[in-house]
PDB file of N, CA and C in Angstrom:
ATOM      1  N   MET A   1       0.863  -1.157   0.000  1.00  0.00           N
ATOM      2  CA  MET A   1       0.000   0.000   0.000  1.00  0.00           C
ATOM      3  C   MET A   1       0.919   1.232   0.000  1.00  0.00           C
ATOM      4  N   LYS A   2       0.528   2.211  -0.801  1.00  0.00           N
ATOM      5  CA  LYS A   2       1.317   3.438  -0.879  1.00  0.00           C
ATOM      6  C   LYS A   2       0.394   4.631  -0.713  1.00  0.00           C
ATOM      7  N   ASN A   3       0.837   5.590   0.078  1.00  0.00           N
ATOM      8  CA  ASN A   3       0.095   6.822   0.244  1.00  0.00           C
ATOM      9  C   ASN A   3       0.609   7.810  -0.791  1.00  0.00           C
ATOM     10  N   PRO A   4      -0.208   8.147  -1.807  1.00  0.00           N
ATOM     11  CA  PRO A   4       0.281   9.031  -2.863  1.00  0.00           C
ATOM     12  C   PRO A   4       0.611  10.444  -2.374  1.00  0.00           C
ATOM     13  N   ALA A   5      -0.009  10.868  -1.296  1.00  0.00           N
ATOM     14  CA  ALA A   5       0.244  12.213  -0.784  1.00  0.00           C
ATOM     15  C   ALA A   5       1.607  12.315  -0.106  1.00  0.00           C
ATOM     16  N   THR A   6       2.005  11.249   0.593  1.00  0.00           N
ATOM     17  CA  THR A   6       3.256  11.299   1.351  1.00  0.00           C
ATOM     18  C   THR A   6       4.361  10.436   0.756  1.00  0.00           C
ATOM     19  N   GLY A   7       3.981   9.486  -0.109  1.00  0.00           N
ATOM     20  CA  GLY A   7       4.962   8.559  -0.673  1.00  0.00           C
ATOM     21  C   GLY A   7       5.307   7.412   0.264  1.00  0.00           C
ATOM     22  N   GLN A   8       4.704   7.392   1.457  1.00  0.00           N
ATOM     23  CA  GLN A   8       4.984   6.346   2.438  1.00  0.00           C
ATOM     24  C   GLN A   8       4.386   5.020   1.983  1.00  0.00           C
ATOM     25  N   ILE A   9       5.137   3.955   2.188  1.00  0.00           N
ATOM     26  CA  ILE A   9       4.693   2.614   1.804  1.00  0.00           C
ATOM     27  C   ILE A   9       4.532   1.764   3.056  1.00  0.00           C
ATOM     28  N   LYS A  10       3.400   1.071   3.151  1.00  0.00           N
ATOM     29  CA  LYS A  10       3.130   0.124   4.234  1.00  0.00           C
ATOM     30  C   LYS A  10       2.598  -1.150   3.614  1.00  0.00           C
ATOM     31  N   THR A  11       2.810  -2.254   4.279  1.00  0.00           N
ATOM     32  CA  THR A  11       2.300  -3.524   3.791  1.00  0.00           C
ATOM     33  C   THR A  11       0.859  -3.701   4.251  1.00  0.00           C
ATOM     34  N   GLY A  12      -0.019  -3.946   3.291  1.00  0.00           N
ATOM     35  CA  GLY A  12      -1.405  -4.274   3.600  1.00  0.00           C
ATOM     36  C   GLY A  12      -1.558  -5.785   3.570  1.00  0.00           C
ATOM     37  N   PHE A  13      -2.486  -6.298   4.325  1.00  0.00           N
ATOM     38  CA  PHE A  13      -2.663  -7.748   4.429  1.00  0.00           C
ATOM     39  C   PHE A  13      -4.125  -8.102   4.207  1.00  0.00           C
ATOM     40  N   PHE A  14      -4.362  -9.329   3.781  1.00  0.00           N
ATOM     41  CA  PHE A  14      -5.729  -9.835   3.682  1.00  0.00           C
ATOM     42  C   PHE A  14      -5.679 -11.325   3.955  1.00  0.00           C
ATOM     43  N   GLY A  15      -6.817 -11.884   4.349  1.00  0.00           N
ATOM     44  CA  GLY A  15      -6.875 -13.292   4.700  1.00  0.00           C
ATOM     45  C   GLY A  15      -6.677 -13.500   6.196  1.00  0.00           C
ATOM     46  N   PHE A  16      -6.605 -14.747   6.589  1.00  0.00           N
ATOM     47  CA  PHE A  16      -6.432 -15.108   7.998  1.00  0.00           C
ATOM     48  C   PHE A  16      -5.097 -14.574   8.503  1.00  0.00           C
ATOM     49  N   SER A  17      -5.074 -14.043   9.707  1.00  0.00           N
ATOM     50  CA  SER A  17      -3.854 -13.491  10.289  1.00  0.00           C
ATOM     51  C   SER A  17      -3.234 -14.468  11.276  1.00  0.00           C
ATOM     52  N   TRP A  18      -2.285 -15.227  10.790  1.00  0.00           N
ATOM     53  CA  TRP A  18      -1.563 -16.131  11.686  1.00  0.00           C
ATOM     54  C   TRP A  18      -0.750 -15.334  12.693  1.00  0.00           C
ATOM     55  N   THR A  19      -0.261 -14.191  12.280  1.00  0.00           N
ATOM     56  CA  THR A  19       0.505 -13.335  13.190  1.00  0.00           C
ATOM     57  C   THR A  19      -0.366 -12.921  14.363  1.00  0.00           C
ATOM     58  N   TYR A  20      -1.593 -12.487  14.080  1.00  0.00           N
ATOM     59  CA  TYR A  20      -2.498 -12.098  15.161  1.00  0.00           C
ATOM     60  C   TYR A  20      -2.891 -13.315  16.003  1.00  0.00           C
ATOM     61  N   PHE A  21      -3.072 -14.445  15.368  1.00  0.00           N
ATOM     62  CA  PHE A  21      -3.447 -15.662  16.086  1.00  0.00           C
ATOM     63  C   PHE A  21      -2.409 -15.992  17.160  1.00  0.00           C
ATOM     64  N   PHE A  22      -1.125 -15.870  16.812  1.00  0.00           N
ATOM     65  CA  PHE A  22      -0.065 -16.222  17.756  1.00  0.00           C
ATOM     66  C   PHE A  22       0.334 -15.084  18.697  1.00  0.00           C
ATOM     67  N   PHE A  23       0.250 -13.833  18.224  1.00  0.00           N
ATOM     68  CA  PHE A  23       0.773 -12.726  19.027  1.00  0.00           C
ATOM     69  C   PHE A  23      -0.283 -11.735  19.500  1.00  0.00           C
ATOM     70  N   GLY A  24      -1.514 -11.889  19.045  1.00  0.00           N
ATOM     71  CA  GLY A  24      -2.632 -11.092  19.544  1.00  0.00           C
ATOM     72  C   GLY A  24      -2.431  -9.593  19.458  1.00  0.00           C
ATOM     73  N   TRP A  25      -2.704  -8.913  20.545  1.00  0.00           N
ATOM     74  CA  TRP A  25      -2.705  -7.451  20.587  1.00  0.00           C
ATOM     75  C   TRP A  25      -1.348  -6.834  20.296  1.00  0.00           C
ATOM     76  N   TRP A  26      -0.296  -7.624  20.314  1.00  0.00           N
ATOM     77  CA  TRP A  26       1.033  -7.107  19.972  1.00  0.00           C
ATOM     78  C   TRP A  26       1.097  -6.672  18.512  1.00  0.00           C
ATOM     79  N   VAL A  27       0.319  -7.311  17.655  1.00  0.00           N
ATOM     80  CA  VAL A  27       0.359  -6.999  16.221  1.00  0.00           C
ATOM     81  C   VAL A  27      -0.062  -5.557  15.966  1.00  0.00           C
ATOM     82  N   PRO A  28      -1.248  -5.114  16.426  1.00  0.00           N
ATOM     83  CA  PRO A  28      -1.576  -3.706  16.198  1.00  0.00           C
ATOM     84  C   PRO A  28      -0.606  -2.755  16.905  1.00  0.00           C
ATOM     85  N   LEU A  29      -0.079  -3.157  18.045  1.00  0.00           N
ATOM     86  CA  LEU A  29       0.879  -2.312  18.746  1.00  0.00           C
ATOM     87  C   LEU A  29       2.124  -2.100  17.881  1.00  0.00           C
ATOM     88  N   LEU A  30       2.660  -3.167  17.307  1.00  0.00           N
ATOM     89  CA  LEU A  30       3.867  -3.059  16.492  1.00  0.00           C
ATOM     90  C   LEU A  30       3.600  -2.382  15.147  1.00  0.00           C
ATOM     91  N   ARG A  31       2.353  -2.372  14.695  1.00  0.00           N
ATOM     92  CA  ARG A  31       2.004  -1.677  13.457  1.00  0.00           C
ATOM     93  C   ARG A  31       1.628  -0.220  13.711  1.00  0.00           C
ATOM     94  N   GLY A  32       1.775   0.236  14.947  1.00  0.00           N
ATOM     95  CA  GLY A  32       1.543   1.635  15.269  1.00  0.00           C
ATOM     96  C   GLY A  32       0.111   1.996  15.595  1.00  0.00           C
ATOM     97  N   GLU A  33      -0.731   1.020  15.821  1.00  0.00           N
ATOM     98  CA  GLU A  33      -2.135   1.286  16.159  1.00  0.00           C
ATOM     99  C   GLU A  33      -2.322   1.138  17.676  1.00  0.00           C
ATOM    100  N   LEU A  34      -1.910   2.142  18.407  1.00  0.00           N
ATOM    101  CA  LEU A  34      -1.892   2.052  19.869  1.00  0.00           C
ATOM    102  C   LEU A  34      -3.281   1.894  20.466  1.00  0.00           C
ATOM    103  N   GLY A  35      -4.247   2.665  19.984  1.00  0.00           N
ATOM    104  CA  GLY A  35      -5.615   2.577  20.506  1.00  0.00           C
ATOM    105  C   GLY A  35      -6.232   1.215  20.231  1.00  0.00           C
ATOM    106  N   VAL A  36      -6.027   0.707  19.019  1.00  0.00           N
ATOM    107  CA  VAL A  36      -6.545  -0.613  18.663  1.00  0.00           C
ATOM    108  C   VAL A  36      -5.900  -1.677  19.541  1.00  0.00           C
ATOM    109  N   ALA A  37      -4.595  -1.558  19.756  1.00  0.00           N
ATOM    110  CA  ALA A  37      -3.884  -2.535  20.590  1.00  0.00           C
ATOM    111  C   ALA A  37      -4.430  -2.535  22.015  1.00  0.00           C
ATOM    112  N   ALA A  38      -4.692  -1.362  22.562  1.00  0.00           N
ATOM    113  CA  ALA A  38      -5.221  -1.278  23.930  1.00  0.00           C
ATOM    114  C   ALA A  38      -6.602  -1.940  24.028  1.00  0.00           C
ATOM    115  N   LEU A  39      -7.458  -1.668  23.043  1.00  0.00           N
ATOM    116  CA  LEU A  39      -8.785  -2.299  23.051  1.00  0.00           C
ATOM    117  C   LEU A  39      -8.678  -3.814  22.905  1.00  0.00           C
ATOM    118  N   HIS A  40      -7.809  -4.275  22.031  1.00  0.00           N
ATOM    119  CA  HIS A  40      -7.667  -5.711  21.819  1.00  0.00           C
ATOM    120  C   HIS A  40      -7.095  -6.399  23.056  1.00  0.00           C
ATOM    121  N   LEU A  41      -6.182  -5.741  23.752  1.00  0.00           N
ATOM    122  CA  LEU A  41      -5.665  -6.303  25.003  1.00  0.00           C
ATOM    123  C   LEU A  41      -6.789  -6.426  26.022  1.00  0.00           C
ATOM    124  N   LEU A  42      -7.575  -5.387  26.161  1.00  0.00           N
ATOM    125  CA  LEU A  42      -8.695  -5.404  27.111  1.00  0.00           C
ATOM    126  C   LEU A  42      -9.682  -6.520  26.772  1.00  0.00           C
ATOM    127  N   PHE A  43     -10.077  -6.612  25.489  1.00  0.00           N
ATOM    128  CA  PHE A  43     -11.039  -7.643  25.083  1.00  0.00           C
ATOM    129  C   PHE A  43     -10.463  -9.049  25.243  1.00  0.00           C
ATOM    130  N   SER A  44      -9.169  -9.207  25.008  1.00  0.00           N
ATOM    131  CA  SER A  44      -8.545 -10.526  25.181  1.00  0.00           C
ATOM    132  C   SER A  44      -8.563 -10.952  26.641  1.00  0.00           C
ATOM    133  N   ILE A  45      -8.328  -9.999  27.533  1.00  0.00           N
ATOM    134  CA  ILE A  45      -8.341 -10.309  28.967  1.00  0.00           C
ATOM    135  C   ILE A  45      -9.767 -10.670  29.402  1.00  0.00           C
ATOM    136  N   VAL A  46     -10.739  -9.852  28.989  1.00  0.00           N
ATOM    137  CA  VAL A  46     -12.127 -10.063  29.404  1.00  0.00           C
ATOM    138  C   VAL A  46     -12.664 -11.398  28.878  1.00  0.00           C
ATOM    139  N   THR A  47     -12.285 -11.777  27.658  1.00  0.00           N
ATOM    140  CA  THR A  47     -12.814 -13.015  27.059  1.00  0.00           C
ATOM    141  C   THR A  47     -11.881 -14.206  27.257  1.00  0.00           C
ATOM    142  N   LEU A  48     -10.854 -14.040  28.066  1.00  0.00           N
ATOM    143  CA  LEU A  48      -9.894 -15.106  28.356  1.00  0.00           C
ATOM    144  C   LEU A  48      -9.240 -15.684  27.089  1.00  0.00           C
ATOM    145  N   GLY A  49      -8.966 -14.805  26.128  1.00  0.00           N
ATOM    146  CA  GLY A  49      -8.251 -15.203  24.918  1.00  0.00           C
ATOM    147  C   GLY A  49      -9.114 -15.609  23.744  1.00  0.00           C
ATOM    148  N   ILE A  50     -10.402 -15.777  23.943  1.00  0.00           N
ATOM    149  CA  ILE A  50     -11.283 -16.160  22.837  1.00  0.00           C
ATOM    150  C   ILE A  50     -11.305 -15.057  21.773  1.00  0.00           C
ATOM    151  N   TRP A  51     -11.219 -13.807  22.218  1.00  0.00           N
ATOM    152  CA  TRP A  51     -11.179 -12.669  21.300  1.00  0.00           C
ATOM    153  C   TRP A  51     -10.053 -12.827  20.284  1.00  0.00           C
ATOM    154  N   GLN A  52      -8.905 -13.270  20.735  1.00  0.00           N
ATOM    155  CA  GLN A  52      -7.743 -13.407  19.861  1.00  0.00           C
ATOM    156  C   GLN A  52      -8.007 -14.398  18.729  1.00  0.00           C
ATOM    157  N   ILE A  53      -8.702 -15.469  19.009  1.00  0.00           N
ATOM    158  CA  ILE A  53      -9.018 -16.459  17.974  1.00  0.00           C
ATOM    159  C   ILE A  53     -10.000 -15.873  16.962  1.00  0.00           C
ATOM    160  N   ILE A  54     -11.034 -15.201  17.441  1.00  0.00           N
ATOM    161  CA  ILE A  54     -12.054 -14.634  16.560  1.00  0.00           C
ATOM    162  C   ILE A  54     -11.462 -13.548  15.664  1.00  0.00           C
ATOM    163  N   VAL A  55     -10.682 -12.657  16.248  1.00  0.00           N
ATOM    164  CA  VAL A  55     -10.142 -11.522  15.502  1.00  0.00           C
ATOM    165  C   VAL A  55      -9.099 -11.964  14.475  1.00  0.00           C
ATOM    166  N   SER A  56      -8.499 -13.113  14.648  1.00  0.00           N
ATOM    167  CA  SER A  56      -7.532 -13.613  13.661  1.00  0.00           C
ATOM    168  C   SER A  56      -8.152 -13.727  12.276  1.00  0.00           C
ATOM    169  N   PHE A  57      -9.448 -13.946  12.208  1.00  0.00           N
ATOM    170  CA  PHE A  57     -10.144 -14.055  10.928  1.00  0.00           C
ATOM    171  C   PHE A  57     -10.446 -12.680  10.320  1.00  0.00           C
ATOM    172  N   MET A  58     -10.419 -11.619  11.132  1.00  0.00           N
ATOM    173  CA  MET A  58     -10.853 -10.305  10.683  1.00  0.00           C
ATOM    174  C   MET A  58      -9.771  -9.237  10.662  1.00  0.00           C
ATOM    175  N   TYR A  59      -8.699  -9.419  11.409  1.00  0.00           N
ATOM    176  CA  TYR A  59      -7.759  -8.318  11.644  1.00  0.00           C
ATOM    177  C   TYR A  59      -7.107  -7.795  10.375  1.00  0.00           C
ATOM    178  N   ASN A  60      -6.627  -8.652   9.489  1.00  0.00           N
ATOM    179  CA  ASN A  60      -5.939  -8.170   8.287  1.00  0.00           C
ATOM    180  C   ASN A  60      -6.852  -7.308   7.424  1.00  0.00           C
ATOM    181  N   ARG A  61      -8.092  -7.729   7.263  1.00  0.00           N
ATOM    182  CA  ARG A  61      -9.053  -6.948   6.483  1.00  0.00           C
ATOM    183  C   ARG A  61      -9.275  -5.585   7.141  1.00  0.00           C
ATOM    184  N   GLN A  62      -9.447  -5.563   8.446  1.00  0.00           N
ATOM    185  CA  GLN A  62      -9.682  -4.305   9.150  1.00  0.00           C
ATOM    186  C   GLN A  62      -8.469  -3.378   9.051  1.00  0.00           C
ATOM    187  N   TYR A  63      -7.271  -3.919   9.220  1.00  0.00           N
ATOM    188  CA  TYR A  63      -6.051  -3.118   9.144  1.00  0.00           C
ATOM    189  C   TYR A  63      -5.900  -2.491   7.763  1.00  0.00           C
ATOM    190  N   THR A  64      -6.077  -3.304   6.715  1.00  0.00           N
ATOM    191  CA  THR A  64      -5.932  -2.790   5.358  1.00  0.00           C
ATOM    192  C   THR A  64      -7.025  -1.774   5.043  1.00  0.00           C
ATOM    193  N   SER A  65      -8.223  -1.990   5.539  1.00  0.00           N
ATOM    194  CA  SER A  65      -9.306  -1.012   5.352  1.00  0.00           C
ATOM    195  C   SER A  65      -8.962   0.312   6.017  1.00  0.00           C
ATOM    196  N   ARG A  66      -8.341   0.258   7.190  1.00  0.00           N
ATOM    197  CA  ARG A  66      -7.929   1.494   7.864  1.00  0.00           C
ATOM    198  C   ARG A  66      -6.841   2.205   7.063  1.00  0.00           C
ATOM    199  N   LEU A  67      -5.942   1.453   6.424  1.00  0.00           N
ATOM    200  CA  LEU A  67      -4.929   2.075   5.567  1.00  0.00           C
ATOM    201  C   LEU A  67      -5.601   2.791   4.397  1.00  0.00           C
ATOM    202  N   ILE A  68      -6.586   2.158   3.788  1.00  0.00           N
ATOM    203  CA  ILE A  68      -7.301   2.772   2.664  1.00  0.00           C
ATOM    204  C   ILE A  68      -7.991   4.051   3.126  1.00  0.00           C
ATOM    205  N   GLU A  69      -8.626   4.009   4.300  1.00  0.00           N
ATOM    206  CA  GLU A  69      -9.281   5.203   4.838  1.00  0.00           C
ATOM    207  C   GLU A  69      -8.283   6.330   5.097  1.00  0.00           C
ATOM    208  N   ALA A  70      -7.035   5.958   5.392  1.00  0.00           N
ATOM    209  CA  ALA A  70      -5.991   6.950   5.654  1.00  0.00           C
ATOM    210  C   ALA A  70      -5.353   7.470   4.368  1.00  0.00           C
ATOM    211  N   GLY A  71      -5.836   7.004   3.204  1.00  0.00           N
ATOM    212  CA  GLY A  71      -5.345   7.525   1.938  1.00  0.00           C
ATOM    213  C   GLY A  71      -4.412   6.606   1.176  1.00  0.00           C
ATOM    214  N   TYR A  72      -4.110   5.436   1.714  1.00  0.00           N
ATOM    215  CA  TYR A  72      -3.222   4.497   1.022  1.00  0.00           C
ATOM    216  C   TYR A  72      -3.949   3.847  -0.140  1.00  0.00           C
ATOM    217  N   ARG A  73      -3.186   3.487  -1.169  1.00  0.00           N
ATOM    218  CA  ARG A  73      -3.716   2.828  -2.355  1.00  0.00           C
ATOM    219  C   ARG A  73      -2.942   1.538  -2.597  1.00  0.00           C
ATOM    220  N   PHE A  74      -3.590   0.608  -3.289  1.00  0.00           N
ATOM    221  CA  PHE A  74      -2.930  -0.656  -3.607  1.00  0.00           C
ATOM    222  C   PHE A  74      -1.701  -0.377  -4.462  1.00  0.00           C
ATOM    223  N   PHE A  75      -0.622  -1.109  -4.199  1.00  0.00           N
ATOM    224  CA  PHE A  75       0.651  -0.816  -4.860  1.00  0.00           C
ATOM    225  C   PHE A  75       1.420  -2.116  -5.080  1.00  0.00           C
ATOM    226  N   ASP A  76       0.772  -3.074  -5.720  1.00  0.00           N
ATOM    227  CA  ASP A  76       1.403  -4.369  -5.987  1.00  0.00           C
ATOM    228  C   ASP A  76       1.081  -4.737  -7.433  1.00  0.00           C
ATOM    229  N   SER A  77       1.277  -5.974  -7.777  1.00  0.00           N
ATOM    230  CA  SER A  77       0.947  -6.406  -9.135  1.00  0.00           C
ATOM    231  C   SER A  77      -0.574  -6.318  -9.328  1.00  0.00           C
ATOM    232  N   PRO A  78      -1.029  -6.166 -10.563  1.00  0.00           N
ATOM    233  CA  PRO A  78      -2.480  -6.086 -10.795  1.00  0.00           C
ATOM    234  C   PRO A  78      -3.243  -7.294 -10.253  1.00  0.00           C
ATOM    235  N   GLU A  79      -2.647  -8.477 -10.328  1.00  0.00           N
ATOM    236  CA  GLU A  79      -3.314  -9.685  -9.840  1.00  0.00           C
ATOM    237  C   GLU A  79      -3.499  -9.639  -8.324  1.00  0.00           C
ATOM    238  N   VAL A  80      -2.437  -9.273  -7.612  1.00  0.00           N
ATOM    239  CA  VAL A  80      -2.511  -9.203  -6.147  1.00  0.00           C
ATOM    240  C   VAL A  80      -3.454  -8.081  -5.730  1.00  0.00           C
ATOM    241  N   ASN A  81      -3.371  -6.942  -6.408  1.00  0.00           N
ATOM    242  CA  ASN A  81      -4.277  -5.831  -6.101  1.00  0.00           C
ATOM    243  C   ASN A  81      -5.732  -6.252  -6.257  1.00  0.00           C
ATOM    244  N   GLN A  82      -6.036  -6.951  -7.344  1.00  0.00           N
ATOM    245  CA  GLN A  82      -7.415  -7.384  -7.600  1.00  0.00           C
ATOM    246  C   GLN A  82      -7.895  -8.361  -6.530  1.00  0.00           C
ATOM    247  N   LYS A  83      -7.046  -9.324  -6.191  1.00  0.00           N
ATOM    248  CA  LYS A  83      -7.410 -10.320  -5.182  1.00  0.00           C
ATOM    249  C   LYS A  83      -7.653  -9.653  -3.824  1.00  0.00           C
ATOM    250  N   ALA A  84      -6.770  -8.735  -3.439  1.00  0.00           N
ATOM    251  CA  ALA A  84      -6.920  -8.047  -2.155  1.00  0.00           C
ATOM    252  C   ALA A  84      -8.177  -7.191  -2.136  1.00  0.00           C
ATOM    253  N   ALA A  85      -8.421  -6.469  -3.222  1.00  0.00           N
ATOM    254  CA  ALA A  85      -9.607  -5.611  -3.284  1.00  0.00           C
ATOM    255  C   ALA A  85     -10.880  -6.429  -3.180  1.00  0.00           C
ATOM    256  N   GLU A  86     -10.921  -7.576  -3.852  1.00  0.00           N
ATOM    257  CA  GLU A  86     -12.102  -8.436  -3.775  1.00  0.00           C
ATOM    258  C   GLU A  86     -12.293  -8.973  -2.365  1.00  0.00           C
ATOM    259  N   TYR A  87     -11.219  -9.403  -1.723  1.00  0.00           N
ATOM    260  CA  TYR A  87     -11.331  -9.967  -0.381  1.00  0.00           C
ATOM    261  C   TYR A  87     -11.780  -8.904   0.624  1.00  0.00           C
ATOM    262  N   ILE A  88     -11.218  -7.713   0.501  1.00  0.00           N
ATOM    263  CA  ILE A  88     -11.543  -6.647   1.444  1.00  0.00           C
ATOM    264  C   ILE A  88     -12.915  -6.056   1.140  1.00  0.00           C
ATOM    265  N   GLY A  89     -13.332  -6.138  -0.132  1.00  0.00           N
ATOM    266  CA  GLY A  89     -14.639  -5.633  -0.502  1.00  0.00           C
ATOM    267  C   GLY A  89     -14.634  -4.177  -0.921  1.00  0.00           C
ATOM    268  N   VAL A  90     -13.561  -3.743  -1.582  1.00  0.00           N
ATOM    269  CA  VAL A  90     -13.499  -2.368  -2.080  1.00  0.00           C
ATOM    270  C   VAL A  90     -13.414  -2.389  -3.600  1.00  0.00           C
ATOM    271  N   ASP A  91     -13.796  -1.290  -4.212  1.00  0.00           N
ATOM    272  CA  ASP A  91     -13.736  -1.150  -5.659  1.00  0.00           C
ATOM    273  C   ASP A  91     -12.318  -0.765  -6.051  1.00  0.00           C
ATOM    274  N   LEU A  92     -11.650  -1.621  -6.778  1.00  0.00           N
ATOM    275  CA  LEU A  92     -10.254  -1.378  -7.148  1.00  0.00           C
ATOM    276  C   LEU A  92     -10.115  -0.134  -8.012  1.00  0.00           C
ATOM    277  N   ASP A  93     -11.104   0.184  -8.841  1.00  0.00           N
ATOM    278  CA  ASP A  93     -11.019   1.372  -9.684  1.00  0.00           C
ATOM    279  C   ASP A  93     -10.940   2.648  -8.849  1.00  0.00           C
ATOM    280  N   VAL A  94     -11.615   2.664  -7.722  1.00  0.00           N
ATOM    281  CA  VAL A  94     -11.577   3.827  -6.838  1.00  0.00           C
ATOM    282  C   VAL A  94     -10.244   3.891  -6.105  1.00  0.00           C
ATOM    283  N   HIS A  95      -9.670   2.748  -5.781  1.00  0.00           N
ATOM    284  CA  HIS A  95      -8.463   2.683  -4.972  1.00  0.00           C
ATOM    285  C   HIS A  95      -7.237   2.288  -5.786  1.00  0.00           C
ATOM    286  N   ARG A  96      -7.261   2.554  -7.079  1.00  0.00           N
ATOM    287  CA  ARG A  96      -6.142   2.239  -7.967  1.00  0.00           C
ATOM    288  C   ARG A  96      -4.967   3.177  -7.659  1.00  0.00           C
ATOM    289  N   PRO A  97      -3.745   2.665  -7.768  1.00  0.00           N
ATOM    290  CA  PRO A  97      -2.585   3.533  -7.521  1.00  0.00           C
ATOM    291  C   PRO A  97      -2.558   4.703  -8.500  1.00  0.00           C
ATOM    292  N   GLN A  98      -2.135   5.842  -8.009  1.00  0.00           N
ATOM    293  CA  GLN A  98      -2.023   7.033  -8.842  1.00  0.00           C
ATOM    294  C   GLN A  98      -0.716   6.979  -9.625  1.00  0.00           C
ATOM    295  N   PRO A  99      -0.697   7.512 -10.864  1.00  0.00           N
ATOM    296  CA  PRO A  99       0.555   7.519 -11.621  1.00  0.00           C
ATOM    297  C   PRO A  99       1.590   8.398 -10.945  1.00  0.00           C
ATOM    298  N   ALA A 100       2.844   8.038 -11.110  1.00  0.00           N
ATOM    299  CA  ALA A 100       3.929   8.785 -10.493  1.00  0.00           C
ATOM    300  C   ALA A 100       4.022  10.179 -11.113  1.00  0.00           C
ATOM    301  N   VAL A 101       4.279  11.175 -10.279  1.00  0.00           N
ATOM    302  CA  VAL A 101       4.437  12.558 -10.738  1.00  0.00           C
ATOM    303  C   VAL A 101       5.907  12.782 -11.006  1.00  0.00           C
ATOM    304  N   ARG A 102       6.207  13.337 -12.170  1.00  0.00           N
ATOM    305  CA  ARG A 102       7.626  13.565 -12.514  1.00  0.00           C
ATOM    306  C   ARG A 102       7.966  15.018 -12.464  1.00  0.00           C
TER     307      ARG A 102
END
């Protein structure tokens, strides 16, 4: 994912999150989502870890959706971009990478 306004590149993810499954709330913390990490820690404690299993199915989609909301655009091969857009449920034409400015 690339933010055309800033040029910053971040990795977007889709599908089951094995990283979240094993490391839970540490994943959003290490990706810079402090508020999300705090909520996930709280929910994991309250649900005795069941939250971590459930969110493993949803976290990558939510993270990538938040990147899109922050202005990031898909920045991979057309095949990967299409697959990710379909999985996340966004219109690729709206979120297509912008051409480079010279």
